[in-house]
Amino acid sequence: MPRFVIEREIPGAGNLSQEELAEIAQTSNEAVASLGVPYTWVNSYVTDDKIYCVHEAEDAETILEHARRGGFPANNVSAVANEFGPQTAATATPR
């Protein structure tokens, strides 16, 4: 399933308490369940004034519908073209 990175501008996000994050997670889970289509929330990363989320869905419109139902901003939705990490170095041609 396609993977997307969602940038959510939320002033003061870095100051959200664990309880507030848990409430946001509950709202997100409810929005996912209401969609009635395959959808996976993979993870989210909180910075000072933004939350970056990784979700899997068939298309960006489904991502935006999740945001609407949850009442979340979705300032930028980008399809992931590829993924890599430290383990990717093992596939490189030796120098």
Protein backbone atom coordinates (compact mmCIF):
# COMPACT_ATOMS: atom_id res chain seq x y z
CA MET A 1 0.00 0.00 0.00
CA PRO A 2 1.36 3.48 -0.75
CA ARG A 3 2.98 5.32 2.13
CA PHE A 4 2.60 9.05 2.81
CA VAL A 5 4.32 11.59 5.07
CA ILE A 6 1.91 14.16 6.48
CA GLU A 7 3.11 17.47 7.87
CA ARG A 8 0.74 18.94 10.45
CA GLU A 9 1.40 22.48 11.67
CA ILE A 10 0.33 22.58 15.31
CA PRO A 11 1.80 25.48 17.30
CA GLY A 12 3.12 24.20 20.62
CA ALA A 13 2.96 20.54 19.56
CA GLY A 14 6.14 19.83 21.46
CA ASN A 15 4.38 20.80 24.68
CA LEU A 16 1.51 18.32 24.28
CA SER A 17 1.21 16.02 27.30
CA GLN A 18 1.09 12.23 27.08
CA GLU A 19 -2.61 12.44 27.92
CA GLU A 20 -3.22 14.90 25.07
CA LEU A 21 -1.25 12.69 22.67
CA ALA A 22 -3.30 9.69 23.82
CA GLU A 23 -6.52 11.61 23.09
CA ILE A 24 -5.23 12.56 19.64
CA ALA A 25 -4.32 8.91 19.02
CA GLN A 26 -7.80 7.79 20.07
CA THR A 27 -9.41 10.33 17.72
CA SER A 28 -7.12 9.21 14.90
CA ASN A 29 -7.93 5.54 15.49
CA GLU A 30 -11.65 6.34 15.43
CA ALA A 31 -11.23 8.26 12.16
CA VAL A 32 -9.31 5.32 10.65
CA ALA A 33 -12.07 2.90 11.68
CA SER A 34 -14.75 5.13 10.17
CA LEU A 35 -13.10 5.22 6.75
CA GLY A 36 -14.11 1.68 5.84
CA VAL A 37 -11.06 1.24 3.58
CA PRO A 38 -7.56 -0.13 4.16
CA TYR A 39 -5.61 2.47 6.13
CA THR A 40 -2.66 2.19 8.51
CA TRP A 41 -1.23 4.83 10.80
CA VAL A 42 2.43 3.79 11.04
CA ASN A 43 3.95 6.38 13.39
CA SER A 44 4.16 10.08 14.25
CA TYR A 45 7.01 12.36 15.24
CA VAL A 46 6.45 15.49 17.33
CA THR A 47 8.64 18.59 16.97
CA ASP A 48 8.20 22.02 18.54
CA ASP A 49 5.43 23.25 16.22
CA LYS A 50 4.70 20.33 13.90
CA ILE A 51 3.77 16.69 13.90
CA TYR A 52 5.01 14.50 11.07
CA CYS A 53 2.95 11.38 10.50
CA VAL A 54 3.57 8.32 8.36
CA HIS A 55 0.38 6.69 7.11
CA GLU A 56 -0.44 4.06 4.48
CA ALA A 57 -3.49 4.46 2.26
CA GLU A 58 -4.51 3.96 -1.34
CA ASP A 59 -4.28 7.67 -2.19
CA ALA A 60 -3.74 11.18 -0.83
CA GLU A 61 -7.48 11.90 -0.86
CA THR A 62 -8.00 9.14 1.74
CA ILE A 63 -5.28 10.73 3.86
CA LEU A 64 -7.09 14.07 3.63
CA GLU A 65 -10.42 12.46 4.49
CA HIS A 66 -8.85 10.95 7.62
CA ALA A 67 -7.62 14.44 8.57
CA ARG A 68 -11.09 15.94 8.01
CA ARG A 69 -12.81 13.28 10.10
CA GLY A 70 -10.27 13.61 12.89
CA GLY A 71 -10.19 17.40 12.82
CA PHE A 72 -6.44 17.37 12.16
CA PRO A 73 -4.51 19.77 9.93
CA ALA A 74 -2.81 18.18 6.92
CA ASN A 75 -0.68 21.06 5.66
CA ASN A 76 1.40 18.91 3.35
CA VAL A 77 0.83 15.34 2.17
CA SER A 78 3.71 13.73 0.27
CA ALA A 79 3.81 10.28 -1.27
CA VAL A 80 6.94 8.37 -0.26
CA ALA A 81 8.95 7.54 -3.39
CA ASN A 82 11.45 5.24 -1.65
CA GLU A 83 12.77 4.32 1.77
CA PHE A 84 16.27 3.55 3.04
CA GLY A 85 18.23 3.37 6.26
CA PRO A 86 21.60 2.26 7.62
CA GLN A 87 20.95 -1.32 6.51
CA THR A 88 20.81 -0.12 2.89
CA ALA A 89 24.60 0.35 2.95
CA ALA A 90 24.97 -3.45 2.88
CA THR A 91 23.62 -3.47 -0.68
CA ALA A 92 26.22 -0.98 -1.99
CA THR A 93 29.01 -2.03 -4.33
CA PRO A 94 32.25 -2.17 -2.33
CA ARG A 95 34.57 0.80 -2.86
